[in-house]
Amino acid sequence: MIAQQAISGAHQERTTSRMEDRIDSSLTIALAICVAGYLAIMLGHVARVDLGFSIEQIRGAAMLTALMLAMLAALGFLRRERDQTDKSQ
């Protein structure tokens, strides 16, 4: 009886830990997106008002930067996928 309670308690603890990890991950991602958006707005404002760049110049630089970041993220994802398939073989 005591062993069943201990196993049940350990299972519940692991389940709670997984749920908390998911919530923490979701909150971290949401916070990172909000901070990135705020930073983009502030950089755009500084580039336009203080440095005198045109909207087209800012847009072009933002598109190139977004493209490079997307490529880096894709390469990281593909590398992780390749490593997982190599380990399974």
N, C-alpha and C. Protein backbone atom coordinates (compact mmCIF):
# COMPACT_ATOMS: atom_id res chain seq x y z
N MET A 1 0.82 -1.19 0.00
CA MET A 1 0.00 0.00 0.00
C MET A 1 0.87 1.26 0.00
N ILE A 2 1.87 1.25 0.85
CA ILE A 2 2.75 2.42 0.94
C ILE A 2 3.54 2.58 -0.35
N ALA A 3 3.96 1.46 -0.93
CA ALA A 3 4.73 1.51 -2.18
C ALA A 3 3.89 2.11 -3.30
N GLN A 4 2.59 1.75 -3.36
CA GLN A 4 1.71 2.30 -4.38
C GLN A 4 1.56 3.81 -4.21
N GLN A 5 1.45 4.29 -2.99
CA GLN A 5 1.33 5.71 -2.74
C GLN A 5 2.60 6.44 -3.15
N ALA A 6 3.75 5.83 -2.89
CA ALA A 6 5.02 6.45 -3.25
C ALA A 6 5.16 6.54 -4.76
N ILE A 7 4.77 5.46 -5.47
CA ILE A 7 4.84 5.46 -6.93
C ILE A 7 3.86 6.48 -7.50
N SER A 8 2.65 6.51 -6.95
CA SER A 8 1.65 7.46 -7.41
C SER A 8 2.11 8.89 -7.18
N GLY A 9 2.71 9.15 -6.03
CA GLY A 9 3.21 10.49 -5.73
C GLY A 9 4.34 10.89 -6.67
N ALA A 10 5.24 9.96 -6.98
CA ALA A 10 6.35 10.25 -7.90
C ALA A 10 5.82 10.51 -9.30
N HIS A 11 4.80 9.75 -9.73
CA HIS A 11 4.22 9.96 -11.06
C HIS A 11 3.56 11.34 -11.14
N GLN A 12 2.82 11.69 -10.09
CA GLN A 12 2.16 12.99 -10.07
C GLN A 12 3.19 14.12 -10.07
N GLU A 13 4.30 13.92 -9.38
CA GLU A 13 5.35 14.93 -9.34
C GLU A 13 5.96 15.14 -10.72
N ARG A 14 6.22 14.04 -11.45
CA ARG A 14 6.77 14.15 -12.81
C ARG A 14 5.79 14.83 -13.73
N THR A 15 4.50 14.50 -13.65
CA THR A 15 3.49 15.11 -14.49
C THR A 15 3.40 16.61 -14.22
N THR A 16 3.41 16.98 -12.96
CA THR A 16 3.35 18.39 -12.60
C THR A 16 4.59 19.12 -13.11
N SER A 17 5.73 18.49 -13.00
CA SER A 17 6.98 19.10 -13.47
C SER A 17 6.93 19.33 -14.98
N ARG A 18 6.41 18.37 -15.72
CA ARG A 18 6.30 18.52 -17.18
C ARG A 18 5.35 19.66 -17.54
N MET A 19 4.23 19.74 -16.82
CA MET A 19 3.27 20.81 -17.08
C MET A 19 3.88 22.17 -16.77
N GLU A 20 4.62 22.25 -15.68
CA GLU A 20 5.27 23.51 -15.32
C GLU A 20 6.32 23.89 -16.35
N ASP A 21 7.05 22.89 -16.87
CA ASP A 21 8.04 23.15 -17.91
C ASP A 21 7.38 23.70 -19.17
N ARG A 22 6.23 23.14 -19.53
CA ARG A 22 5.52 23.63 -20.71
C ARG A 22 5.04 25.06 -20.52
N ILE A 23 4.52 25.34 -19.34
CA ILE A 23 4.05 26.70 -19.05
C ILE A 23 5.22 27.67 -19.06
N ASP A 24 6.33 27.28 -18.43
CA ASP A 24 7.51 28.13 -18.41
C ASP A 24 8.02 28.39 -19.83
N SER A 25 8.04 27.36 -20.65
CA SER A 25 8.50 27.52 -22.03
C SER A 25 7.58 28.46 -22.81
N SER A 26 6.28 28.30 -22.62
CA SER A 26 5.33 29.17 -23.32
C SER A 26 5.48 30.62 -22.89
N LEU A 27 5.64 30.84 -21.61
CA LEU A 27 5.80 32.20 -21.11
C LEU A 27 7.12 32.81 -21.60
N THR A 28 8.16 32.00 -21.65
CA THR A 28 9.45 32.49 -22.14
C THR A 28 9.36 32.90 -23.59
N ILE A 29 8.70 32.09 -24.40
CA ILE A 29 8.55 32.40 -25.83
C ILE A 29 7.71 33.66 -26.00
N ALA A 30 6.61 33.76 -25.27
CA ALA A 30 5.76 34.95 -25.38
C ALA A 30 6.51 36.21 -24.97
N LEU A 31 7.27 36.13 -23.90
CA LEU A 31 8.05 37.28 -23.44
C LEU A 31 9.12 37.66 -24.46
N ALA A 32 9.78 36.66 -25.06
CA ALA A 32 10.80 36.94 -26.07
C ALA A 32 10.20 37.62 -27.29
N ILE A 33 9.01 37.21 -27.70
CA ILE A 33 8.35 37.83 -28.84
C ILE A 33 7.98 39.29 -28.53
N CYS A 34 7.48 39.52 -27.32
CA CYS A 34 7.12 40.90 -26.94
C CYS A 34 8.35 41.80 -26.88
N VAL A 35 9.42 41.31 -26.31
CA VAL A 35 10.65 42.10 -26.22
C VAL A 35 11.21 42.37 -27.61
N ALA A 36 11.19 41.36 -28.48
CA ALA A 36 11.69 41.55 -29.85
C ALA A 36 10.86 42.59 -30.60
N GLY A 37 9.55 42.55 -30.44
CA GLY A 37 8.68 43.54 -31.09
C GLY A 37 8.95 44.94 -30.59
N TYR A 38 9.09 45.08 -29.28
CA TYR A 38 9.37 46.40 -28.70
C TYR A 38 10.72 46.92 -29.19
N LEU A 39 11.71 46.04 -29.22
CA LEU A 39 13.03 46.43 -29.69
C LEU A 39 13.00 46.86 -31.16
N ALA A 40 12.24 46.15 -31.97
CA ALA A 40 12.13 46.51 -33.39
C ALA A 40 11.48 47.89 -33.55
N ILE A 41 10.46 48.15 -32.78
CA ILE A 41 9.80 49.46 -32.84
C ILE A 41 10.76 50.57 -32.43
N MET A 42 11.49 50.35 -31.36
CA MET A 42 12.42 51.38 -30.89
C MET A 42 13.57 51.60 -31.88
N LEU A 43 14.11 50.51 -32.44
CA LEU A 43 15.19 50.66 -33.43
C LEU A 43 14.70 51.39 -34.67
N GLY A 44 13.50 51.06 -35.11
CA GLY A 44 12.92 51.76 -36.25
C GLY A 44 12.75 53.24 -36.00
N HIS A 45 12.30 53.57 -34.81
CA HIS A 45 12.12 54.98 -34.45
C HIS A 45 13.45 55.72 -34.42
N VAL A 46 14.45 55.11 -33.79
CA VAL A 46 15.77 55.75 -33.72
C VAL A 46 16.36 55.91 -35.12
N ALA A 47 16.23 54.87 -35.95
CA ALA A 47 16.78 54.95 -37.31
C ALA A 47 16.08 56.03 -38.12
N ARG A 48 14.78 56.17 -37.95
CA ARG A 48 14.02 57.14 -38.75
C ARG A 48 14.20 58.57 -38.23
N VAL A 49 14.00 58.75 -36.94
CA VAL A 49 13.97 60.11 -36.38
C VAL A 49 15.39 60.63 -36.11
N ASP A 50 16.18 59.84 -35.42
CA ASP A 50 17.49 60.34 -34.98
C ASP A 50 18.57 60.22 -36.06
N LEU A 51 18.56 59.13 -36.82
CA LEU A 51 19.61 58.91 -37.80
C LEU A 51 19.24 59.35 -39.21
N GLY A 52 17.96 59.58 -39.44
CA GLY A 52 17.53 60.13 -40.72
C GLY A 52 17.40 59.15 -41.86
N PHE A 53 17.29 57.86 -41.59
CA PHE A 53 17.11 56.87 -42.65
C PHE A 53 15.69 56.96 -43.20
N SER A 54 15.54 56.65 -44.48
CA SER A 54 14.20 56.65 -45.06
C SER A 54 13.48 55.35 -44.68
N ILE A 55 12.18 55.35 -44.85
CA ILE A 55 11.38 54.16 -44.53
C ILE A 55 11.80 52.99 -45.41
N GLU A 56 12.11 53.26 -46.67
CA GLU A 56 12.53 52.20 -47.59
C GLU A 56 13.85 51.57 -47.15
N GLN A 57 14.78 52.39 -46.68
CA GLN A 57 16.06 51.86 -46.20
C GLN A 57 15.86 50.99 -44.96
N ILE A 58 15.03 51.44 -44.08
CA ILE A 58 14.76 50.67 -42.86
C ILE A 58 14.08 49.36 -43.21
N ARG A 59 13.10 49.41 -44.12
CA ARG A 59 12.39 48.21 -44.52
C ARG A 59 13.33 47.20 -45.17
N GLY A 60 14.20 47.67 -46.04
CA GLY A 60 15.15 46.78 -46.71
C GLY A 60 16.10 46.10 -45.73
N ALA A 61 16.62 46.88 -44.79
CA ALA A 61 17.51 46.32 -43.78
C ALA A 61 16.76 45.32 -42.89
N ALA A 62 15.53 45.64 -42.55
CA ALA A 62 14.74 44.73 -41.72
C ALA A 62 14.45 43.42 -42.45
N MET A 63 14.16 43.50 -43.73
CA MET A 63 13.88 42.29 -44.52
C MET A 63 15.13 41.41 -44.62
N LEU A 64 16.27 42.02 -44.89
CA LEU A 64 17.51 41.25 -44.97
C LEU A 64 17.85 40.60 -43.63
N THR A 65 17.67 41.33 -42.56
CA THR A 65 17.95 40.79 -41.24
C THR A 65 17.01 39.65 -40.90
N ALA A 66 15.73 39.81 -41.20
CA ALA A 66 14.75 38.76 -40.94
C ALA A 66 15.07 37.52 -41.77
N LEU A 67 15.49 37.71 -43.02
CA LEU A 67 15.85 36.59 -43.87
C LEU A 67 17.05 35.84 -43.32
N MET A 68 18.06 36.56 -42.88
CA MET A 68 19.24 35.90 -42.32
C MET A 68 18.90 35.15 -41.03
N LEU A 69 18.09 35.74 -40.16
CA LEU A 69 17.69 35.05 -38.93
C LEU A 69 16.86 33.81 -39.22
N ALA A 70 15.97 33.89 -40.21
CA ALA A 70 15.16 32.73 -40.58
C ALA A 70 16.05 31.61 -41.14
N MET A 71 17.04 31.98 -41.92
CA MET A 71 17.95 30.97 -42.46
C MET A 71 18.75 30.30 -41.35
N LEU A 72 19.22 31.08 -40.38
CA LEU A 72 19.95 30.50 -39.25
C LEU A 72 19.07 29.56 -38.43
N ALA A 73 17.83 29.97 -38.20
CA ALA A 73 16.90 29.11 -37.46
C ALA A 73 16.62 27.82 -38.21
N ALA A 74 16.44 27.92 -39.53
CA ALA A 74 16.19 26.73 -40.34
C ALA A 74 17.40 25.80 -40.34
N LEU A 75 18.59 26.37 -40.45
CA LEU A 75 19.79 25.53 -40.42
C LEU A 75 19.94 24.83 -39.08
N GLY A 76 19.66 25.52 -37.99
CA GLY A 76 19.71 24.90 -36.68
C GLY A 76 18.70 23.78 -36.54
N PHE A 77 17.50 23.99 -37.06
CA PHE A 77 16.47 22.95 -37.01
C PHE A 77 16.87 21.75 -37.85
N LEU A 78 17.38 22.00 -39.06
CA LEU A 78 17.77 20.89 -39.93
C LEU A 78 18.96 20.12 -39.36
N ARG A 79 19.90 20.83 -38.74
CA ARG A 79 21.04 20.17 -38.13
C ARG A 79 20.58 19.27 -36.98
N ARG A 80 19.64 19.76 -36.19
CA ARG A 80 19.12 18.96 -35.08
C ARG A 80 18.41 17.71 -35.60
N GLU A 81 17.63 17.87 -36.67
CA GLU A 81 16.94 16.72 -37.27
C GLU A 81 17.95 15.70 -37.79
N ARG A 82 19.01 16.17 -38.44
CA ARG A 82 20.02 15.27 -38.98
C ARG A 82 20.73 14.53 -37.86
N ASP A 83 21.05 15.22 -36.78
CA ASP A 83 21.72 14.59 -35.65
C ASP A 83 20.85 13.51 -35.02
N GLN A 84 19.54 13.75 -34.95
CA GLN A 84 18.63 12.76 -34.37
C GLN A 84 18.53 11.53 -35.26
N THR A 85 18.53 11.71 -36.59
CA THR A 85 18.45 10.56 -37.48
C THR A 85 19.77 9.77 -37.46
N ASP A 86 20.91 10.46 -37.30
CA ASP A 86 22.19 9.76 -37.20
C ASP A 86 22.27 8.93 -35.94
N LYS A 87 21.73 9.42 -34.84
CA LYS A 87 21.75 8.67 -33.57
C LYS A 87 20.85 7.44 -33.63
N SER A 88 19.75 7.53 -34.38
CA SER A 88 18.83 6.39 -34.43
C SER A 88 19.33 5.28 -35.34
N GLN A 89 20.29 5.57 -36.19
CA GLN A 89 20.79 4.52 -37.11
C GLN A 89 21.95 3.77 -36.54
